[in-house]
């Protein structure tokens, strides 16, 4: 059986303790993944200076070049995977095996990650607000004639990763260009993408010491978060809740992203059906930037019906079908539990499942031995309904009808809002709201990113602090 080792400062290490993620179709173990225990992680992280010293001498310009070459190797190279080599086709097949992600969706995620690496200079410009990147080489610099200096808040970035979508791995990639080593804990069902990215970086010339890769349990994940000084943590509400409010930890939980139509644009809602459908269903609805809500001041019944008709056309397809837009659930019990949660919510007055009228089966289906949840559109009469502000790992959306003057206060914390409105007062309230993480004004799908804008949080500000700095030249000889 294929074995994926730990990486301890870039050095492969085979552990006696292994996890065996299963194939989503057969339920049989597919790969062995070495597991790091808490003691090993704690011992290794006593030395975080060695990885830092390995990256520090490389100019940022060189690291940006490494990122570009890593993109090519990630997309097209044969890269080490344990005792064997992994081609791009091998990667897609392995990703499909343990996560269910169709090949076409996997390729789109590969392109997304490669896009991050290729556009690293533009991304760093957005993160640093166009700071001269040589400040990371020299320790200080100038912006508009003002002296600047930044210090690292940590010696390494620890990242606890999910299994839902490979695209999220683009969020930690800028760490290398920012001269910050990585300590990665992969998702239990998705060890493939971070390992392949690491190998692409190393093949492109990045020091191997910059990468530690520790598949582990929850205790090991907690050790990584506590020991690295700065970290990113991906998970659902119950998982990330314990770390909320700690400034050392950048939380990436559910997005509760929304498409909003203002009263001035609501009569033009048919123009936005394609936008809404793409926002809900792109990438199989598995991302925090997928819209899980469409919030409108009126016409909610009509909008929900049109959206249900569009999304009901998305059906399970074989993994090698280029039209495949749904991923099955590796564990059928998870799918059943999520479907049950929706059914329980529908027992509360004020909500109706609209997609039920457009399909011959229930929401939970089996196709070709795999378990799926079909796209689901719920119409909610108010923001107070239990299903109005929920998020699930499949194309789910609640069309919620609320008065415009209650928005955005009624949203709750929202990662992305795409708003169709030209009303200056409504736009001003959206711009002023601390509930909105990323705001798209105009018909921009919620999953569409801009390379020069931080997706979620600002990794540069998370990793570096600015210090007061003055220099009187000529005083030191």
Protein backbone atom coordinates (compact mmCIF):
# COMPACT_ATOMS: atom_id res chain seq x y z
CA UNK A 1 0.00 0.00 0.00
CA UNK A 2 1.19 3.53 -0.79
CA UNK A 3 2.68 5.24 2.26
CA UNK A 4 2.97 8.98 2.91
CA UNK A 5 5.66 9.84 5.47
CA UNK A 6 5.99 12.73 7.86
CA UNK A 7 8.33 15.52 6.88
CA UNK A 8 10.48 16.71 9.76
CA UNK A 9 12.13 19.91 8.52
CA UNK A 10 11.97 18.41 5.04
CA UNK A 11 13.29 14.97 5.97
CA UNK A 12 10.88 12.05 5.35
CA UNK A 13 10.14 9.98 8.43
CA UNK A 14 8.10 6.79 8.58
CA UNK A 15 6.10 6.40 11.77
CA UNK A 16 4.91 3.13 13.28
CA UNK A 17 1.57 4.81 13.92
CA UNK A 18 -0.42 5.19 10.70
CA UNK A 19 -3.87 6.31 9.58
CA UNK A 20 -5.55 4.63 6.63
CA UNK A 21 -7.97 6.94 4.77
CA UNK A 22 -10.51 4.89 2.84
CA UNK A 23 -11.59 4.97 -0.79
CA UNK A 24 -14.91 6.81 -0.96
CA UNK A 25 -16.44 4.21 -3.24
CA UNK A 26 -15.25 0.92 -1.72
CA UNK A 27 -14.82 1.96 1.92
CA UNK A 28 -11.51 0.06 1.93
CA UNK A 29 -8.19 1.54 3.15
CA UNK A 30 -6.50 3.31 0.25
CA UNK A 31 -3.27 4.77 1.65
CA UNK A 32 -1.16 4.65 4.81
CA UNK A 33 -0.28 8.03 6.28
CA UNK A 34 2.37 8.26 9.00
CA UNK A 35 1.07 9.94 12.15
CA UNK A 36 2.99 12.34 14.38
CA UNK A 37 2.38 12.10 18.09
CA UNK A 38 2.39 15.08 20.44
CA UNK A 39 5.82 14.25 21.83
CA UNK A 40 7.45 14.16 18.40
CA UNK A 41 5.84 17.46 17.38
CA UNK A 42 6.83 19.11 20.65
CA UNK A 43 10.41 17.87 20.36
CA UNK A 44 10.78 18.97 16.72
CA UNK A 45 9.36 22.42 17.40
CA UNK A 46 11.92 23.11 20.09
CA UNK A 47 14.13 24.05 17.12
CA UNK A 48 12.34 26.57 14.92
CA UNK A 49 15.50 28.56 14.20
CA UNK A 50 16.97 26.10 11.68
CA UNK A 51 14.08 26.44 9.17
CA UNK A 52 14.06 30.22 9.65
CA UNK A 53 17.80 30.44 8.94
CA UNK A 54 17.36 28.34 5.81
CA UNK A 55 14.90 30.81 4.28
CA UNK A 56 16.35 34.10 5.53
CA UNK A 57 19.31 34.40 3.10
CA UNK A 58 17.13 33.99 0.00
CA UNK A 59 16.03 37.32 -1.51
CA UNK A 60 12.29 37.77 -1.83
CA UNK A 61 12.77 38.13 -5.60
CA UNK A 62 14.30 34.64 -5.63
CA UNK A 63 11.46 33.22 -3.53
CA UNK A 64 8.91 34.71 -5.92
CA UNK A 65 10.76 33.00 -8.77
CA UNK A 66 10.67 29.74 -6.81
CA UNK A 67 6.91 30.15 -6.46
CA UNK A 68 6.52 30.53 -10.23
CA UNK A 69 8.58 27.42 -10.92
CA UNK A 70 6.71 25.53 -8.20
CA UNK A 71 3.47 26.31 -10.04
CA UNK A 72 4.75 24.55 -13.17
CA UNK A 73 5.98 21.56 -11.18
CA UNK A 74 2.74 21.32 -9.21
CA UNK A 75 0.68 21.33 -12.40
CA UNK A 76 2.80 19.10 -14.60
CA UNK A 77 5.65 17.45 -12.71
CA UNK A 78 6.31 13.96 -11.39
CA UNK A 79 7.03 14.64 -7.73
CA UNK A 80 8.09 12.45 -4.80
CA UNK A 81 5.34 10.75 -2.81
CA UNK A 82 6.77 8.47 -0.18
CA UNK A 83 8.83 5.80 -1.92
CA UNK A 84 7.29 6.47 -5.32
CA UNK A 85 6.58 9.37 -7.66
CA UNK A 86 3.28 11.08 -8.30
CA UNK A 87 2.17 12.39 -11.69
CA UNK A 88 -0.60 14.98 -12.03
CA UNK A 89 -3.00 12.22 -13.11
CA UNK A 90 -1.97 10.14 -10.08
CA UNK A 91 -2.69 13.14 -7.85
CA UNK A 92 -6.17 13.64 -9.30
CA UNK A 93 -7.01 9.95 -8.95
CA UNK A 94 -5.73 9.84 -5.36
CA UNK A 95 -7.58 13.04 -4.48
CA UNK A 96 -10.77 11.54 -5.91
CA UNK A 97 -10.23 8.29 -4.03
CA UNK A 98 -10.21 9.74 -0.51
CA UNK A 99 -12.35 12.88 -0.96
CA UNK A 100 -14.66 11.99 -3.84
CA UNK A 101 -13.74 15.15 -5.76
CA UNK A 102 -14.37 14.66 -9.51
CA UNK A 103 -11.35 15.02 -11.76
CA UNK A 104 -12.61 18.19 -13.46
CA UNK A 105 -13.08 19.90 -10.10
CA UNK A 106 -9.66 18.70 -9.01
CA UNK A 107 -8.05 20.20 -12.12
CA UNK A 108 -9.77 23.53 -11.50
CA UNK A 109 -8.41 23.53 -7.95
CA UNK A 110 -4.92 22.74 -9.27
CA UNK A 111 -5.19 25.74 -11.57
CA UNK A 112 -6.35 27.90 -8.67
CA UNK A 113 -3.34 26.92 -6.56
CA UNK A 114 -0.98 27.41 -9.50
CA UNK A 115 -2.55 30.83 -10.07
CA UNK A 116 -1.65 31.83 -6.53
CA UNK A 117 1.96 30.74 -7.06
CA UNK A 118 2.32 32.41 -10.46
CA UNK A 119 0.78 35.66 -9.22
CA UNK A 120 2.71 35.74 -5.95
CA UNK A 121 4.26 39.16 -6.59
CA UNK A 122 0.81 40.68 -7.16
CA UNK A 123 -0.57 38.90 -4.09
CA UNK A 124 2.27 40.20 -1.92
CA UNK A 125 1.64 43.70 -3.25
CA UNK A 126 -1.95 43.39 -2.09
CA UNK A 127 -1.02 41.96 1.30
CA UNK A 128 1.67 44.58 1.97
CA UNK A 129 -0.12 47.50 0.27
CA UNK A 130 2.64 47.76 -2.34
CA UNK A 131 5.51 47.81 0.10
CA UNK A 132 8.97 47.47 -1.49
CA UNK A 133 9.52 43.78 -0.83
CA UNK A 134 13.25 44.27 -0.32
CA UNK A 135 12.33 45.34 3.21
CA UNK A 136 12.25 41.61 4.02
CA UNK A 137 15.83 41.25 2.77
CA UNK A 138 17.30 44.35 4.42
CA UNK A 139 15.16 44.50 7.54
CA UNK A 140 14.08 48.06 6.78
CA UNK A 141 13.12 50.27 3.87
CA UNK A 142 11.11 53.31 2.83
CA UNK A 143 7.62 54.02 1.56
CA UNK A 144 6.84 57.52 0.26
CA UNK A 145 9.98 58.76 1.98
CA UNK A 146 9.06 57.28 5.35
CA UNK A 147 11.38 54.79 7.06
CA UNK A 148 9.82 51.39 7.69
CA UNK A 149 10.86 48.25 9.52
CA UNK A 150 9.00 45.03 10.29
CA UNK A 151 9.71 42.17 12.67
CA UNK A 152 8.45 38.55 12.47
CA UNK A 153 5.81 37.74 15.06
CA UNK A 154 6.79 34.04 14.96
CA UNK A 155 9.50 31.73 13.73
CA UNK A 156 7.06 29.51 11.79
CA UNK A 157 3.46 29.46 10.64
CA UNK A 158 1.45 26.47 11.84
CA UNK A 159 -1.52 25.51 9.67
CA UNK A 160 -4.29 23.06 10.60
CA UNK A 161 -5.86 22.17 7.27
CA UNK A 162 -9.27 20.84 6.15
CA UNK A 163 -10.26 18.12 3.69
CA UNK A 164 -13.09 19.94 1.91
CA UNK A 165 -11.29 21.55 -1.05
CA UNK A 166 -7.69 21.78 -2.33
CA UNK A 167 -8.12 25.45 -3.20
CA UNK A 168 -7.72 26.53 0.44
CA UNK A 169 -4.04 25.60 0.28
CA UNK A 170 -3.39 28.74 -1.71
CA UNK A 171 -3.91 30.68 1.52
CA UNK A 172 -0.72 29.46 3.20
CA UNK A 173 1.46 29.53 0.07
CA UNK A 174 2.53 33.21 0.46
CA UNK A 175 4.20 32.27 3.74
CA UNK A 176 7.25 31.00 1.85
CA UNK A 177 7.67 34.20 -0.15
CA UNK A 178 7.38 36.06 3.17
CA UNK A 179 10.32 34.01 4.51
CA UNK A 180 8.21 32.19 7.07
CA UNK A 181 8.68 28.39 7.43
CA UNK A 182 5.62 26.16 7.55
CA UNK A 183 4.37 23.49 9.94
CA UNK A 184 1.40 21.81 8.26
CA UNK A 185 -1.19 19.43 9.64
CA UNK A 186 -3.14 18.03 6.62
CA UNK A 187 -6.81 17.11 6.68
CA UNK A 188 -7.43 13.46 7.49
CA UNK A 189 -8.93 12.65 4.09
CA UNK A 190 -6.75 15.01 2.06
CA UNK A 191 -3.02 14.50 2.65
CA UNK A 192 -2.28 14.86 -1.08
CA UNK A 193 -2.36 18.57 -1.89
CA UNK A 194 -0.09 19.99 0.84
CA UNK A 195 2.43 17.19 0.28
CA UNK A 196 2.49 17.80 -3.48
CA UNK A 197 2.83 21.55 -2.97
CA UNK A 198 5.76 21.02 -0.60
CA UNK A 199 7.50 18.77 -3.11
CA UNK A 200 6.89 21.32 -5.88
CA UNK A 201 8.47 24.05 -3.75
CA UNK A 202 11.49 21.85 -2.95
CA UNK A 203 11.94 20.82 -6.59
CA UNK A 204 11.87 24.52 -7.52
CA UNK A 205 14.78 25.25 -5.17
CA UNK A 206 13.17 26.08 -1.83
CA UNK A 207 15.14 24.80 1.20
CA UNK A 208 13.51 21.54 2.41
CA UNK A 209 14.04 22.64 6.02
CA UNK A 210 11.27 25.20 5.53
CA UNK A 211 8.62 22.48 5.54
CA UNK A 212 7.34 20.25 8.32
CA UNK A 213 4.36 18.02 7.56
CA UNK A 214 2.65 16.35 10.50
CA UNK A 215 -0.50 14.30 9.94
CA UNK A 216 -1.84 13.90 13.46
CA UNK A 217 -4.87 13.83 15.73
CA UNK A 218 -6.60 16.75 17.44
CA UNK A 219 -4.05 16.81 20.25
CA UNK A 220 -1.23 17.09 17.72
CA UNK A 221 -3.07 19.89 15.92
CA UNK A 222 -3.40 21.76 19.20
CA UNK A 223 0.33 21.32 19.83
CA UNK A 224 1.14 22.85 16.43
CA UNK A 225 -1.11 25.82 17.16
CA UNK A 226 0.39 26.39 20.60
CA UNK A 227 4.04 25.94 19.60
CA UNK A 228 4.33 27.95 16.37
CA UNK A 229 3.45 31.39 17.65
CA UNK A 230 1.28 32.25 14.65
CA UNK A 231 -1.13 29.85 13.00
CA UNK A 232 -4.10 29.34 10.70
CA UNK A 233 -6.89 26.98 11.74
CA UNK A 234 -9.52 25.61 9.36
CA UNK A 235 -12.63 23.87 10.63
CA UNK A 236 -16.32 23.99 11.34
CA UNK A 237 -17.90 26.07 14.08
CA UNK A 238 -17.49 23.41 16.77
CA UNK A 239 -13.82 22.86 15.90
CA UNK A 240 -12.62 26.45 15.68
CA UNK A 241 -14.72 27.80 18.54
CA UNK A 242 -12.13 27.08 21.23
CA UNK A 243 -9.60 29.31 19.45
CA UNK A 244 -11.86 32.28 18.72
CA UNK A 245 -10.47 35.55 20.01
CA UNK A 246 -6.82 34.48 20.15
CA UNK A 247 -4.90 36.98 17.94
CA UNK A 248 -2.15 34.44 17.35
CA UNK A 249 -4.60 32.21 15.46
CA UNK A 250 -6.24 33.18 12.18
CA UNK A 251 -9.56 31.32 12.13
CA UNK A 252 -11.00 29.99 8.87
CA UNK A 253 -14.41 28.61 9.72
CA UNK A 254 -17.72 28.66 7.85
CA UNK A 255 -18.16 31.66 5.57
CA UNK A 256 -21.94 32.13 5.54
CA UNK A 257 -21.33 34.05 2.29
CA UNK A 258 -24.29 35.83 0.69
CA UNK A 259 -25.69 37.33 -2.48
CA UNK A 260 -27.76 40.41 -1.64
CA UNK A 261 -30.14 42.29 -3.93
CA UNK A 262 -31.18 45.78 -2.92
CA UNK A 263 -34.70 47.17 -3.25
CA UNK A 264 -33.57 49.35 -6.16
CA UNK A 265 -32.45 46.27 -8.15
CA UNK A 266 -34.91 43.60 -7.01
CA UNK A 267 -37.17 43.84 -10.08
CA UNK A 268 -34.14 42.91 -12.20
CA UNK A 269 -33.58 39.68 -10.28
CA UNK A 270 -33.84 37.40 -13.38
CA UNK A 271 -30.58 38.96 -14.61
CA UNK A 272 -28.82 37.58 -11.55
CA UNK A 273 -29.96 33.94 -11.57
CA UNK A 274 -26.77 32.73 -13.28
CA UNK A 275 -24.67 34.71 -10.80
CA UNK A 276 -26.55 33.23 -7.85
CA UNK A 277 -26.33 29.67 -9.20
CA UNK A 278 -22.57 29.97 -9.80
CA UNK A 279 -22.01 31.45 -6.36
CA UNK A 280 -23.87 28.56 -4.74
CA UNK A 281 -22.65 25.61 -6.79
CA UNK A 282 -19.07 26.38 -7.92
CA UNK A 283 -16.57 23.78 -6.66
CA UNK A 284 -19.44 21.55 -5.59
CA UNK A 285 -20.55 24.07 -2.95
CA UNK A 286 -17.68 22.94 -0.71
CA UNK A 287 -15.98 26.29 -0.05
CA UNK A 288 -16.52 28.99 2.54
CA UNK A 289 -16.76 31.51 -0.30
CA UNK A 290 -19.72 29.69 -1.84
CA UNK A 291 -22.96 31.57 -1.23
CA UNK A 292 -25.17 29.81 1.29
CA UNK A 293 -27.67 32.66 1.36
CA UNK A 294 -29.52 34.95 -1.03
CA UNK A 295 -30.98 37.84 0.98
CA UNK A 296 -33.64 40.00 -0.64
CA UNK A 297 -36.25 42.58 0.46
CA UNK A 298 -38.99 41.06 -1.75
CA UNK A 299 -39.67 38.59 -4.60
CA UNK A 300 -38.14 35.82 -2.49
CA UNK A 301 -40.59 33.12 -3.61
CA UNK A 302 -39.95 33.80 -7.29
CA UNK A 303 -36.19 33.92 -6.84
CA UNK A 304 -36.12 30.69 -4.83
CA UNK A 305 -38.19 28.94 -7.49
CA UNK A 306 -35.96 30.07 -10.37
CA UNK A 307 -32.81 29.17 -8.46
CA UNK A 308 -34.22 25.75 -7.54
CA UNK A 309 -35.04 25.02 -11.18
CA UNK A 310 -31.47 25.91 -12.18
CA UNK A 311 -29.67 24.00 -9.41
CA UNK A 312 -31.87 20.89 -9.70
CA UNK A 313 -30.21 20.26 -13.07
CA UNK A 314 -26.99 19.42 -11.20
CA UNK A 315 -26.97 15.65 -10.75
CA UNK A 316 -24.37 13.03 -9.78
CA UNK A 317 -22.03 12.06 -12.62
CA UNK A 318 -19.02 9.72 -12.93
CA UNK A 319 -15.79 11.21 -11.56
CA UNK A 320 -14.19 11.38 -15.02
CA UNK A 321 -17.16 13.22 -16.55
CA UNK A 322 -16.12 16.80 -17.38
CA UNK A 323 -19.63 17.94 -16.41
CA UNK A 324 -19.35 16.48 -12.88
CA UNK A 325 -20.25 19.25 -10.43
CA UNK A 326 -21.06 17.30 -7.25
CA UNK A 327 -18.69 15.43 -4.97
CA UNK A 328 -19.93 12.39 -3.04
CA UNK A 329 -19.52 12.07 0.69
CA UNK A 330 -16.76 9.71 1.80
CA UNK A 331 -18.79 8.78 4.89
CA UNK A 332 -22.49 8.23 4.03
CA UNK A 333 -23.36 8.80 7.68
CA UNK A 334 -22.17 12.41 7.43
CA UNK A 335 -24.44 13.02 4.45
CA UNK A 336 -27.38 11.45 6.27
CA UNK A 337 -26.73 13.56 9.36
CA UNK A 338 -26.60 16.80 7.36
CA UNK A 339 -29.79 15.92 5.50
CA UNK A 340 -31.49 15.18 8.81
CA UNK A 341 -30.42 18.58 10.18
CA UNK A 342 -32.12 20.26 7.23
CA UNK A 343 -35.27 18.18 7.69
CA UNK A 344 -35.41 19.10 11.38
CA UNK A 345 -35.07 22.77 10.46
CA UNK A 346 -37.93 22.44 7.97
CA UNK A 347 -40.23 21.38 10.79
CA UNK A 348 -40.05 24.95 12.10
CA UNK A 349 -42.69 27.24 10.55
CA UNK A 350 -41.56 29.79 7.98
CA UNK A 351 -39.41 27.69 5.65
CA UNK A 352 -40.01 25.48 2.61
CA UNK A 353 -37.69 23.35 0.51
CA UNK A 354 -38.25 24.57 -3.05
CA UNK A 355 -35.99 22.08 -4.87
CA UNK A 356 -38.19 19.17 -3.73
CA UNK A 357 -40.65 20.05 -6.50
CA UNK A 358 -37.94 19.71 -9.16
CA UNK A 359 -36.63 16.23 -8.46
CA UNK A 360 -38.07 12.73 -8.35
CA UNK A 361 -36.02 11.58 -5.35
CA UNK A 362 -35.17 12.87 -1.94
CA UNK A 363 -32.20 15.05 -1.15
CA UNK A 364 -30.04 12.12 -0.02
CA UNK A 365 -29.30 9.76 -2.93
CA UNK A 366 -26.98 6.92 -3.89
CA UNK A 367 -25.53 6.77 -7.40
CA UNK A 368 -22.96 4.27 -8.68
CA UNK A 369 -22.21 3.16 -5.12
CA UNK A 370 -21.62 6.72 -3.84
CA UNK A 371 -23.69 8.89 -1.52
CA UNK A 372 -24.63 12.43 -2.53
CA UNK A 373 -26.67 15.35 -1.24
CA UNK A 374 -28.48 17.01 -4.12
CA UNK A 375 -28.55 20.82 -4.41
CA UNK A 376 -31.07 22.26 -1.99
CA UNK A 377 -32.85 25.62 -2.05
CA UNK A 378 -34.83 26.70 1.02
CA UNK A 379 -37.13 29.71 1.10
CA UNK A 380 -37.13 31.39 4.52
CA UNK A 381 -39.62 34.04 5.50
CA UNK A 382 -37.29 35.68 8.00
CA UNK A 383 -33.67 35.86 9.12
CA UNK A 384 -34.66 34.27 12.43
CA UNK A 385 -35.40 30.86 10.92
CA UNK A 386 -32.87 28.14 11.89
CA UNK A 387 -32.10 27.41 8.21
CA UNK A 388 -31.64 31.04 7.16
CA UNK A 389 -27.95 31.25 8.03
CA UNK A 390 -26.54 27.74 7.69
CA UNK A 391 -23.74 26.29 5.60
CA UNK A 392 -23.17 22.72 4.43
CA UNK A 393 -20.60 20.86 2.32
CA UNK A 394 -22.77 20.75 -0.79
CA UNK A 395 -24.78 23.28 -2.84
CA UNK A 396 -27.18 24.57 -0.21
CA UNK A 397 -28.75 28.03 -0.21
CA UNK A 398 -31.46 29.77 1.76
CA UNK A 399 -33.36 32.56 0.02
CA UNK A 400 -34.18 34.87 2.92
CA UNK A 401 -36.65 37.73 2.68
CA UNK A 402 -35.90 40.60 5.06
CA UNK A 403 -36.49 44.36 4.92
CA UNK A 404 -33.55 46.18 3.40
CA UNK A 405 -33.30 48.53 6.37
CA UNK A 406 -32.46 45.52 8.55
CA UNK A 407 -29.46 44.66 6.37
CA UNK A 408 -26.58 44.16 6.99
CA UNK A 409 -27.16 44.10 10.78
CA UNK A 410 -29.20 40.90 10.43
CA UNK A 411 -26.50 39.06 8.43
CA UNK A 412 -24.30 37.84 11.23
CA UNK A 413 -20.59 37.46 10.49
CA UNK A 414 -20.24 36.97 6.72
CA UNK A 415 -17.06 36.18 4.78
CA UNK A 416 -18.21 37.41 1.34
CA UNK A 417 -21.14 39.60 0.35
CA UNK A 418 -21.97 40.21 -3.31
CA UNK A 419 -24.44 43.10 -3.40
CA UNK A 420 -26.52 44.25 -6.35
CA UNK A 421 -27.52 47.80 -5.51
CA UNK A 422 -26.82 51.35 -6.59
CA UNK A 423 -28.53 52.84 -3.56
CA UNK A 424 -25.88 55.08 -1.95
CA UNK A 425 -27.26 54.64 1.56
CA UNK A 426 -27.38 50.85 1.36
CA UNK A 427 -23.89 50.70 -0.18
CA UNK A 428 -22.61 52.97 2.60
CA UNK A 429 -24.07 50.68 5.28
CA UNK A 430 -22.43 47.66 3.65
CA UNK A 431 -19.09 49.45 3.39
CA UNK A 432 -19.25 50.48 7.04
CA UNK A 433 -20.25 47.07 8.39
CA UNK A 434 -17.76 45.04 10.40
CA UNK A 435 -19.90 41.95 9.67
CA UNK A 436 -18.75 41.82 6.03
CA UNK A 437 -15.31 40.35 5.41
CA UNK A 438 -15.12 40.88 1.65
CA UNK A 439 -17.54 43.07 -0.28
CA UNK A 440 -18.30 42.76 -3.99
CA UNK A 441 -20.40 45.63 -5.30
CA UNK A 442 -21.98 44.52 -8.56
CA UNK A 443 -22.48 41.16 -10.28
CA UNK A 444 -19.31 39.38 -9.09
CA UNK A 445 -19.76 35.71 -8.06
CA UNK A 446 -18.83 35.16 -4.42
CA UNK A 447 -16.08 32.60 -5.29
CA UNK A 448 -14.34 35.02 -7.68
CA UNK A 449 -11.11 36.33 -6.15
CA UNK A 450 -8.80 39.19 -7.03
CA UNK A 451 -5.08 38.43 -6.80
CA UNK A 452 -4.26 41.82 -5.28
CA UNK A 453 -6.86 41.52 -2.51
CA UNK A 454 -6.50 39.29 0.58
CA UNK A 455 -9.03 36.44 0.39
CA UNK A 456 -9.57 36.17 4.13
CA UNK A 457 -7.48 37.96 6.69
CA UNK A 458 -4.06 39.40 5.85
CA UNK A 459 -1.24 36.90 6.14
CA UNK A 460 1.46 39.58 6.05
CA UNK A 461 -0.07 41.46 9.01
CA UNK A 462 -0.62 38.14 10.79
CA UNK A 463 3.05 37.20 10.45
CA UNK A 464 4.78 40.58 10.76
CA UNK A 465 4.50 43.58 13.05
CA UNK A 466 5.70 47.06 12.30
CA UNK A 467 8.20 48.67 14.60
CA UNK A 468 9.11 52.32 15.03
CA UNK A 469 12.36 52.84 13.13
CA UNK A 470 14.78 55.74 12.65
CA UNK A 471 18.27 55.82 11.21
CA UNK A 472 20.77 58.67 11.18
CA UNK A 473 23.11 57.82 8.35
CA UNK A 474 26.83 58.33 8.72
CA UNK A 475 26.89 57.66 12.47
CA UNK A 476 28.11 54.08 12.16
CA UNK A 477 31.43 53.34 10.44
